Protein backbone atom coordinates (compact mmCIF):
# COMPACT_ATOMS: atom_id res chain seq x y z
CA MET A 1 85.20 -18.81 23.03
CA LYS A 2 83.79 -21.59 25.15
CA LYS A 3 80.70 -23.67 24.11
CA SER A 4 78.69 -22.61 27.06
CA THR A 5 78.97 -18.73 26.55
CA VAL A 6 78.03 -19.39 22.98
CA LEU A 7 75.07 -20.95 23.94
CA LEU A 8 74.33 -18.73 26.84
CA GLY A 9 74.51 -15.87 24.02
CA VAL A 10 71.90 -17.68 21.37
CA THR A 11 69.54 -18.06 24.22
CA VAL A 12 69.33 -14.51 25.33
CA TRP A 13 69.34 -13.49 21.76
CA SER A 14 66.27 -16.01 20.89
CA VAL A 15 64.63 -14.66 24.29
CA SER A 16 65.16 -11.22 23.24
CA LEU A 17 63.88 -11.61 19.45
CA LEU A 18 60.75 -13.36 21.05
CA THR A 19 60.10 -10.45 23.40
CA ALA A 20 60.44 -7.97 20.65
CA TYR A 21 57.79 -10.07 18.46
CA TYR A 22 55.55 -10.31 21.39
CA ILE A 23 55.59 -6.49 22.39
CA GLY A 24 55.24 -5.56 18.62
CA SER A 25 52.29 -7.64 18.25
CA ARG A 26 50.18 -6.34 21.17
CA ALA A 27 51.18 -2.73 19.92
CA ASN A 28 49.90 -3.73 16.23
CA GLU A 29 46.81 -5.39 18.24
CA ALA A 30 45.87 -2.11 19.37
CA SER A 31 46.04 -0.58 16.72
CA ASN A 32 44.38 -3.00 14.32
CA PRO A 33 41.96 -5.15 16.61
CA SER A 34 40.84 -7.09 13.70
CA THR A 35 44.03 -8.93 13.13
CA THR A 36 44.57 -10.26 16.72
CA THR A 37 44.31 -13.84 16.34
CA PRO A 38 43.75 -16.26 13.72
CA ILE A 39 40.32 -16.81 14.76
CA ALA A 40 39.56 -13.24 14.90
CA GLN A 41 40.95 -13.08 11.77
CA ALA A 42 38.59 -15.58 10.54
CA ASN A 43 35.81 -13.67 12.07
CA ARG A 44 36.69 -10.58 10.60
CA GLU A 45 36.96 -12.24 7.02
CA ASN A 46 33.40 -14.06 7.42
CA THR A 47 31.93 -10.64 8.73
CA GLN A 48 33.30 -9.30 5.44
CA GLN A 49 31.67 -12.04 3.38
CA GLN A 50 27.85 -11.77 5.04
CA SER A 51 27.67 -8.48 3.26
CA PHE A 52 27.01 -10.03 0.07
CA GLN A 53 26.57 -13.60 0.89
CA THR A 54 23.38 -15.65 2.19
CA VAL A 55 23.47 -16.34 6.13
CA ALA A 56 21.80 -19.63 6.86
CA LEU A 57 19.08 -18.78 9.65
CA THR A 58 18.15 -20.89 12.70
CA GLU A 59 14.55 -19.88 12.98
CA PRO A 60 12.09 -22.39 10.81
CA GLU A 61 9.90 -19.55 9.70
CA GLU A 62 12.94 -17.76 8.15
CA ALA A 63 14.43 -21.00 6.55
CA ASN A 64 13.58 -19.97 2.89
CA LYS A 65 14.75 -16.02 3.14
CA LEU A 66 17.87 -14.94 2.07
CA GLU A 67 19.14 -12.83 4.72
CA ALA A 68 22.18 -10.86 5.16
CA PHE A 69 22.05 -10.41 1.44
CA PHE A 70 23.72 -6.86 1.30
CA ASP A 71 24.63 -5.36 4.84
CA GLY A 72 23.26 -7.80 6.82
CA GLU A 73 19.91 -6.74 5.94
CA ALA A 74 16.77 -9.37 5.31
CA LEU A 75 15.27 -8.25 1.47
CA SER A 76 12.19 -8.87 -0.50
CA LEU A 77 12.68 -10.89 -3.81
CA GLU A 78 12.13 -7.97 -5.58
CA GLU A 79 14.62 -5.80 -3.81
CA MET A 80 17.06 -8.77 -4.49
CA LEU A 81 16.38 -8.56 -7.81
CA ARG A 82 17.17 -4.85 -8.16
CA GLU A 83 20.60 -5.41 -6.38
CA ILE A 84 21.57 -8.56 -8.43
CA PRO A 85 22.73 -6.33 -11.40
CA THR A 86 25.41 -4.01 -9.12
CA LEU A 87 27.16 -7.77 -8.20
CA SER A 88 30.36 -9.09 -9.18
CA ALA A 89 30.80 -12.23 -11.10
CA GLU A 90 32.12 -13.85 -8.02
CA GLU A 91 29.86 -12.39 -5.45
CA SER A 92 26.87 -13.80 -8.21
CA ARG A 93 28.84 -17.04 -8.14
CA GLN A 94 28.66 -17.12 -4.05
CA LEU A 95 25.07 -16.47 -3.90
CA LEU A 96 24.29 -19.03 -6.57
CA THR A 97 25.44 -21.63 -4.43
CA GLN A 98 22.80 -20.28 -1.92
CA ALA A 99 20.22 -20.37 -4.20
CA LEU A 100 20.94 -23.61 -5.18
CA ALA A 101 20.68 -24.95 -1.84
CA MET A 102 17.14 -23.28 -1.40
CA PRO A 103 13.92 -25.72 -0.69
CA LYS A 104 12.73 -26.62 -4.61
CA SER A 105 9.47 -25.86 -3.13
CA ASP A 106 10.67 -22.16 -2.72
CA PRO A 107 8.87 -20.21 -5.49
CA LYS A 108 11.46 -17.43 -5.42
CA ARG A 109 14.48 -20.11 -6.00
CA ALA A 110 13.91 -20.52 -10.09
CA ARG A 111 13.63 -16.90 -10.25
CA LEU A 112 16.94 -15.85 -8.31
CA ILE A 113 18.66 -18.74 -10.20
CA ASN A 114 17.91 -17.20 -13.67
CA GLU A 115 18.63 -13.85 -12.28
CA LEU A 116 22.16 -14.82 -11.00
CA LEU A 117 23.24 -17.08 -13.85
CA SER A 118 22.14 -14.15 -16.21
CA GLN A 119 24.46 -11.60 -14.16
CA ILE A 120 27.42 -14.12 -14.33
CA ALA A 121 26.61 -14.43 -18.11
CA GLU A 122 27.35 -10.64 -18.30
CA THR A 123 31.06 -11.45 -18.42
CA GLU A 124 31.60 -15.18 -18.40
CA PRO A 125 28.54 -16.93 -20.51
CA MET A 126 30.13 -19.97 -20.95
CA ALA A 127 30.63 -20.62 -17.44
CA ALA A 128 27.00 -19.42 -16.69
CA LEU A 129 26.01 -22.45 -19.08
CA GLU A 130 28.14 -24.78 -17.11
CA LEU A 131 26.88 -23.36 -13.73
CA ALA A 132 23.27 -23.76 -15.01
CA THR A 133 24.00 -27.97 -15.17
CA GLN A 134 23.64 -27.92 -11.43
CA ILE A 135 19.94 -27.13 -11.73
CA ASP A 136 18.21 -30.69 -11.66
CA SER A 137 14.90 -29.47 -12.74
CA LEU A 138 14.75 -30.14 -16.67
CA ARG A 139 12.27 -27.35 -16.87
CA ASP A 140 14.15 -24.63 -14.94
CA TYR A 141 17.29 -25.34 -16.64
CA GLU A 142 15.67 -24.69 -19.96
CA SER A 143 14.71 -21.68 -18.77
CA ALA A 144 18.11 -20.70 -17.16
CA ARG A 145 19.89 -21.44 -20.79
CA VAL A 146 17.34 -19.35 -22.24
CA SER A 147 18.38 -16.45 -19.97
CA ILE A 148 22.15 -16.95 -20.18
CA LEU A 149 21.61 -16.96 -24.32
CA GLU A 150 19.95 -14.09 -24.52
CA VAL A 151 22.38 -12.12 -22.27
CA TRP A 152 25.14 -13.46 -24.61
CA GLY A 153 23.42 -12.57 -27.83
CA ARG A 154 22.83 -9.12 -26.75
CA ASN A 155 26.60 -8.59 -25.45
CA ASP A 156 28.40 -10.87 -28.22
CA PRO A 157 25.73 -12.31 -30.89
CA ALA A 158 28.64 -13.38 -33.22
CA ALA A 159 30.50 -15.42 -30.51
CA ALA A 160 26.95 -16.74 -29.48
CA ILE A 161 25.88 -17.93 -32.82
CA ALA A 162 28.97 -19.67 -33.35
CA TRP A 163 28.77 -21.84 -30.47
CA ALA A 164 25.13 -22.54 -31.14
CA ALA A 165 26.06 -23.80 -34.84
CA THR A 166 28.01 -26.76 -32.92
CA ALA A 167 26.70 -27.05 -29.53
CA LEU A 168 23.14 -27.36 -30.27
CA GLU A 169 23.80 -29.33 -33.52
CA ASN A 170 22.21 -32.42 -31.99
CA GLU A 171 19.61 -30.88 -29.60
CA PRO A 172 16.23 -32.01 -29.87
CA SER A 173 14.24 -29.27 -32.22
CA ARG A 174 12.14 -27.32 -29.66
CA SER A 175 15.20 -27.05 -27.42
CA ARG A 176 17.19 -25.92 -30.00
CA ALA A 177 14.45 -23.65 -31.22
CA SER A 178 14.02 -21.93 -28.08
CA GLN A 179 17.57 -21.48 -27.31
CA LEU A 180 18.65 -19.92 -30.97
CA THR A 181 15.45 -17.89 -30.40
CA ALA A 182 16.97 -16.30 -27.22
CA ILE A 183 20.19 -15.61 -29.23
CA TYR A 184 18.42 -13.90 -31.64
CA ARG A 185 16.11 -11.94 -28.99
CA GLY A 186 19.37 -10.69 -27.33
CA TYR A 187 20.74 -9.61 -30.70
CA ALA A 188 18.08 -7.74 -31.79
CA LEU A 189 18.00 -5.59 -28.62
CA THR A 190 21.03 -4.09 -29.85
CA ASN A 191 21.42 -4.31 -33.58
CA PRO A 192 18.21 -5.32 -34.83
CA GLU A 193 18.73 -4.67 -38.29
CA ALA A 194 22.24 -7.01 -38.25
CA ALA A 195 20.22 -9.69 -36.64
CA PHE A 196 17.09 -9.69 -39.14
CA GLN A 197 19.66 -10.05 -42.12
CA GLN A 198 21.81 -12.57 -39.98
CA ALA A 199 18.48 -14.60 -39.60
CA LEU A 200 17.38 -14.39 -43.65
CA THR A 201 20.96 -16.17 -44.10
CA MET A 202 20.59 -18.75 -41.75
CA ASP A 203 20.72 -22.43 -43.37
CA GLU A 204 17.55 -23.45 -41.31
CA ASN A 205 14.16 -24.70 -41.77
CA ALA A 206 11.57 -22.34 -42.96
CA ARG A 207 9.74 -22.67 -39.74
CA LEU A 208 12.62 -21.92 -37.56
CA LYS A 209 13.80 -18.90 -39.75
CA ASN A 210 10.29 -17.53 -39.64
CA ARG A 211 10.50 -17.72 -35.77
CA LEU A 212 13.92 -16.20 -35.35
CA LEU A 213 12.58 -13.40 -37.97
CA GLY A 214 9.33 -13.00 -35.91
CA GLU A 215 11.35 -12.46 -32.36
CA VAL A 216 13.77 -9.65 -33.78
CA LEU A 217 10.48 -7.84 -35.54
CA GLU A 218 8.61 -7.93 -31.89
CA ALA A 219 11.80 -6.75 -30.09
CA GLN A 220 12.66 -4.28 -32.69
CA ILE A 221 9.17 -2.76 -32.64
CA GLU A 222 9.05 -2.86 -28.78
CA ASN A 223 11.92 -0.88 -28.59
CA GLY A 224 10.55 1.85 -31.34
CA GLY A 225 12.12 0.52 -34.49
CA LEU A 226 8.43 0.28 -36.27
CA GLU A 227 9.43 1.75 -39.40
CA ALA A 228 12.90 -0.06 -39.93
CA ALA A 229 11.04 -3.28 -39.19
CA LYS A 230 8.00 -2.14 -41.47
CA LEU A 231 10.85 -1.33 -44.49
CA ALA A 232 12.95 -4.68 -43.67
CA VAL A 233 9.82 -7.15 -44.26
CA ASP A 234 8.68 -4.97 -47.54
CA LEU A 235 12.07 -5.73 -48.90
CA VAL A 236 12.10 -9.52 -47.86
CA SER A 237 11.63 -11.13 -51.78
CA ASP A 238 10.11 -14.45 -51.11
CA PRO A 239 6.31 -13.91 -50.86
CA ASP A 240 5.08 -16.79 -48.63
CA MET A 241 8.00 -15.32 -45.93
CA LYS A 242 6.83 -11.70 -46.63
CA ASP A 243 3.30 -12.66 -45.88
CA ARG A 244 4.05 -14.54 -42.75
CA LEU A 245 6.38 -11.62 -41.30
CA ARG A 246 3.50 -9.12 -41.95
CA ARG A 247 1.31 -11.02 -39.99
CA ASP A 248 3.89 -11.03 -37.27
CA LEU A 249 4.54 -6.93 -37.90
CA VAL A 250 1.06 -6.40 -37.75
CA SER A 251 0.19 -8.30 -34.78
CA GLU A 252 3.00 -6.66 -32.53
CA TRP A 253 1.63 -3.27 -34.38
CA ALA A 254 -2.21 -3.68 -33.55
CA GLU A 255 -1.30 -3.93 -29.48
CA PHE A 256 -0.36 -0.12 -29.14
CA ASP A 257 -2.11 1.70 -32.61
CA PRO A 258 -4.26 -0.99 -34.46
CA SER A 259 -5.94 1.89 -36.67
CA ALA A 260 -2.61 2.59 -37.98
CA ALA A 261 -1.89 -0.98 -38.17
CA ALA A 262 -5.28 -1.27 -40.40
CA GLU A 263 -4.56 1.56 -42.29
CA TYR A 264 -0.96 -0.37 -43.20
CA VAL A 265 -3.12 -3.50 -44.57
CA VAL A 266 -5.26 -1.51 -46.35
CA SER A 267 -2.21 0.16 -48.15
CA LEU A 268 -1.31 -3.15 -49.16
CA GLY A 269 -4.21 -3.91 -51.25
CA ASP A 270 -4.45 -7.41 -53.03
CA GLU A 271 -1.50 -8.08 -51.30
CA ALA A 272 -2.94 -7.87 -48.33
CA SER A 273 -3.98 -12.12 -47.28
CA ALA A 274 -7.17 -13.15 -45.61
CA ASP A 275 -4.53 -14.36 -42.78
CA LEU A 276 -3.05 -10.65 -42.30
CA LYS A 277 -6.40 -9.24 -42.00
CA ASN A 278 -7.09 -11.97 -39.49
CA ALA A 279 -3.97 -11.23 -37.70
CA LEU A 280 -5.26 -7.77 -37.41
CA ILE A 281 -8.67 -8.55 -36.16
CA ARG A 282 -7.42 -11.04 -33.66
CA GLU A 283 -5.12 -8.37 -31.91
CA TRP A 284 -7.31 -5.65 -32.27
CA ALA A 285 -10.53 -7.43 -30.72
CA GLU A 286 -8.87 -7.88 -27.45
CA SER A 287 -8.60 -3.90 -26.86
CA SER A 288 -12.10 -2.87 -28.97
CA PRO A 289 -14.03 -5.67 -30.30
CA ALA A 290 -16.77 -3.02 -31.43
CA GLU A 291 -13.77 -0.85 -33.39
CA ALA A 292 -12.40 -4.22 -34.87
CA ALA A 293 -16.06 -5.33 -36.25
CA ALA A 294 -16.91 -1.77 -37.60
CA TRP A 295 -13.48 -1.92 -39.39
CA LEU A 296 -14.29 -5.90 -40.63
CA ASP A 297 -17.88 -4.15 -41.77
CA SER A 298 -15.78 -1.87 -44.01
CA LEU A 299 -14.38 -5.00 -46.03
CA ASP A 300 -16.19 -6.12 -49.21
CA ALA A 301 -18.98 -8.95 -48.62
CA ASP A 302 -17.23 -11.72 -50.00
CA ASP A 303 -13.89 -10.99 -48.28
CA PRO A 304 -13.00 -14.71 -47.28
CA ALA A 305 -11.35 -12.75 -44.29
CA ILE A 306 -14.64 -12.01 -42.63
CA ALA A 307 -15.54 -15.08 -41.69
CA ARG A 308 -12.79 -16.22 -39.69
CA ALA A 309 -12.10 -12.63 -38.33
CA SER A 310 -15.65 -12.54 -37.04
CA ALA A 311 -15.02 -15.64 -34.87
CA SER A 312 -12.05 -13.81 -33.09
CA ILE A 313 -14.10 -10.87 -32.41
CA ILE A 314 -16.93 -12.98 -31.19
CA GLU A 315 -14.82 -14.60 -29.09
CA GLU A 316 -13.35 -11.41 -27.09
CA TRP A 317 -16.58 -9.41 -27.23
CA THR A 318 -18.87 -12.01 -25.66
CA ARG A 319 -16.27 -11.65 -22.40
CA TYR A 320 -17.99 -8.20 -21.86
CA ASP A 321 -21.20 -8.00 -23.81
CA LEU A 322 -23.41 -10.68 -25.03
CA ALA A 323 -26.27 -8.53 -26.57
CA ALA A 324 -24.21 -5.97 -28.46
CA SER A 325 -22.51 -9.37 -30.09
CA ALA A 326 -25.46 -11.06 -30.51
CA GLU A 327 -26.60 -8.12 -32.47
CA TRP A 328 -23.54 -7.73 -34.56
CA LEU A 329 -23.47 -11.28 -35.59
CA ASN A 330 -26.88 -11.51 -36.27
CA SER A 331 -25.98 -8.73 -39.06
CA LEU A 332 -23.71 -10.55 -40.83
CA GLU A 333 -25.34 -12.65 -43.68
CA ALA A 334 -25.50 -16.21 -42.91
CA SER A 335 -23.07 -18.46 -44.32
CA PRO A 336 -21.59 -21.96 -43.64
CA GLU A 337 -18.29 -20.02 -43.24
CA LEU A 338 -19.93 -18.19 -39.98
CA ASP A 339 -20.25 -21.44 -38.17
CA ARG A 340 -17.48 -20.91 -36.44
CA ALA A 341 -18.42 -17.48 -34.97
CA VAL A 342 -21.75 -19.04 -34.28
CA ILE A 343 -20.53 -21.54 -32.38
CA THR A 344 -18.13 -19.35 -30.17
CA TYR A 345 -21.11 -17.20 -29.11
CA THR A 346 -22.93 -20.14 -28.45
CA PHE A 347 -20.78 -21.37 -26.04
CA SER A 348 -20.59 -17.88 -23.99
CA ALA A 349 -24.52 -17.46 -24.08
CA ALA A 350 -25.45 -21.23 -23.04
CA ALA A 351 -24.65 -20.26 -19.27
CA GLU A 352 -26.29 -16.77 -19.49
CA ASP A 353 -29.65 -17.55 -21.37
CA PRO A 354 -29.94 -21.52 -22.37
CA ALA A 355 -32.91 -20.41 -24.51
CA SER A 356 -31.48 -18.19 -26.88
CA ALA A 357 -28.29 -20.13 -26.97
CA MET A 358 -30.13 -22.96 -28.28
CA THR A 359 -31.81 -21.02 -30.91
CA TRP A 360 -28.00 -20.18 -32.24
CA ALA A 361 -26.91 -23.80 -32.21
CA GLU A 362 -29.83 -24.75 -33.97
CA SER A 363 -28.97 -22.30 -37.02
CA ILE A 364 -25.49 -24.06 -37.47
CA ASP A 365 -25.11 -25.00 -40.98
CA ASP A 366 -23.36 -27.99 -40.46
CA ASP A 367 -25.00 -31.22 -39.38
CA ARG A 368 -22.48 -32.77 -36.88
CA ARG A 369 -21.44 -29.38 -35.33
CA ARG A 370 -25.46 -28.51 -35.14
CA THR A 371 -25.68 -31.52 -32.88
CA TRP A 372 -22.89 -31.46 -31.17
CA MET A 373 -23.46 -28.06 -30.15
CA MET A 374 -27.32 -28.87 -29.08
CA GLU A 375 -26.38 -31.41 -26.85
CA ARG A 376 -23.72 -28.95 -24.94
CA VAL A 377 -26.23 -26.35 -24.68
CA ALA A 378 -29.07 -28.95 -23.58
CA ALA A 379 -26.73 -30.49 -20.80
CA THR A 380 -26.11 -26.74 -19.43
CA TRP A 381 -29.82 -25.88 -19.77
CA LYS A 382 -31.37 -28.64 -17.91
CA GLU A 383 -28.51 -28.25 -14.90
CA GLN A 384 -30.01 -24.73 -14.95
CA ASP A 385 -33.79 -24.92 -15.55
CA THR A 386 -35.36 -28.33 -15.68
CA GLU A 387 -38.74 -27.12 -16.15
CA SER A 388 -38.20 -24.72 -19.13
CA PHE A 389 -35.79 -27.16 -20.64
CA SER A 390 -38.67 -29.73 -20.65
CA GLU A 391 -41.10 -26.97 -22.18
CA TYR A 392 -38.40 -26.47 -24.87
CA LEU A 393 -38.26 -30.32 -25.84
CA ASP A 394 -42.36 -30.44 -25.80
CA SER A 395 -42.71 -27.31 -28.28
CA SER A 396 -39.93 -28.28 -30.61
CA GLU A 397 -40.42 -29.96 -33.65
CA LEU A 398 -37.66 -32.44 -32.46
CA THR A 399 -37.68 -36.21 -33.83
CA GLU A 400 -38.18 -38.56 -31.35
CA GLU A 401 -34.19 -39.68 -31.49
CA GLN A 402 -33.44 -36.13 -31.22
CA ARG A 403 -35.45 -35.68 -28.23
CA THR A 404 -33.55 -38.78 -26.57
CA THR A 405 -30.27 -37.39 -27.29
CA LEU A 406 -30.91 -34.27 -25.91
CA GLU A 407 -32.49 -35.34 -22.71
CA ASN A 408 -29.33 -37.36 -22.32
CA ALA A 409 -26.86 -35.46 -22.78
CA GLU A 410 -23.97 -34.63 -20.19
CA ASN A 411 -22.34 -31.45 -19.14
CA ARG A 412 -18.62 -32.47 -20.39
CA GLY A 413 -17.15 -29.26 -18.98
CA GLY A 414 -20.12 -27.19 -20.35
CA PRO A 415 -20.27 -24.08 -22.69
CA GLY A 416 -18.18 -21.08 -21.41
CA GLY A 417 -19.96 -18.82 -19.46
CA GLY A 418 -20.07 -15.26 -20.60
CA GLY A 419 -20.33 -11.93 -19.07
CA GLY A 420 -23.17 -9.53 -19.94
CA ARG A 421 -26.85 -10.06 -20.14
CA GLY A 422 -28.29 -12.46 -22.64
CA PRO A 423 -28.85 -11.72 -26.32
CA GLY A 424 -32.52 -10.77 -25.82
CA GLY A 425 -34.06 -11.56 -29.14
CA GLY A 426 -32.46 -14.77 -29.17
CA GLY A 427 -30.22 -16.43 -32.23
CA ARG A 428 -30.32 -15.49 -36.15
CA GLY A 429 -32.96 -16.61 -38.15
CA ARG A 430 -32.11 -19.05 -40.98
């Protein structure tokens, strides 16, 4: 066969092949327009990617919003946060890149980063911890690690605790404590009994161990495990640790049922320490200071808890009713131990009725505290009503030195203002 004939045949074959490919491509394009050209293919992939990625917006007022987060729609922060748990780890990573690129001044940035890292931590906690290193704010970085570790502690506590044993060994004590606490908080959400026992066996200092145990108790009670938490605490053999844990238990319990918590404290008899009673009162007073005061009145008059707990009651009660709180405080037996409650009341009363507040200040037993409190009341009083303050000085039995001290008193922040009416009849008698 001649060489020219062979070349001609190859040429015809090549042209036929190219023609067939072109016709086939056009037919495929007609049935699937999205695959027409490489540019069209890229546009199609970009459109798909926008179903879960952030789109950079051109309008300045929209620059800080994550738009086209889902299906091309602009969502509010709360809507975004609700959708994040539905994302895959890969989608979360891509959105995390966008969130990290947001302006640091955007208040939504830190929360979005936290939630996205928590979502990644559901399946890849170590990867989430590594990604968190991209956060340049130390405060936000610490917050993100805590969020990640809580997720890890909930899903795989054994692995998280094993990691912490080496990874946190050289961390500063405060940072280490907060991260361990996060792990145990997550652990307690799925198995509080095991978390409690694990924390008991930890070779840690007493302060950190108590913090971890308290965190477990709080999570357990919040999730309806009050009886189990109470039993676990009662079985602790170390008396000091048991008392501290009982304080944690009672504080959490009193948030939703202070009366039942009070019955538990009473049932302990002599085992109920003054600190335990004060923990109960401090929490109870936030919701009902009058009821807390009535319970405190039921204790023996010489109970050491009364002096400290009364200050907690007064601190809360004066926010709502100065007159009622003054009447109750005046019913208590005067003592040096009650100075703290009197000072607390005086701070609140000074802004409402400085004349009566001064009477209370004069009743403080400790000389140094009495002088200090009278100065603070005087500073507020002369700002409010110079004439009546001068009348007080003229009618008082103060020494010349004391008078000069009060006249020169300056308001360094001043006594705190309280709500409600003034105490009417003035302070307690001495």
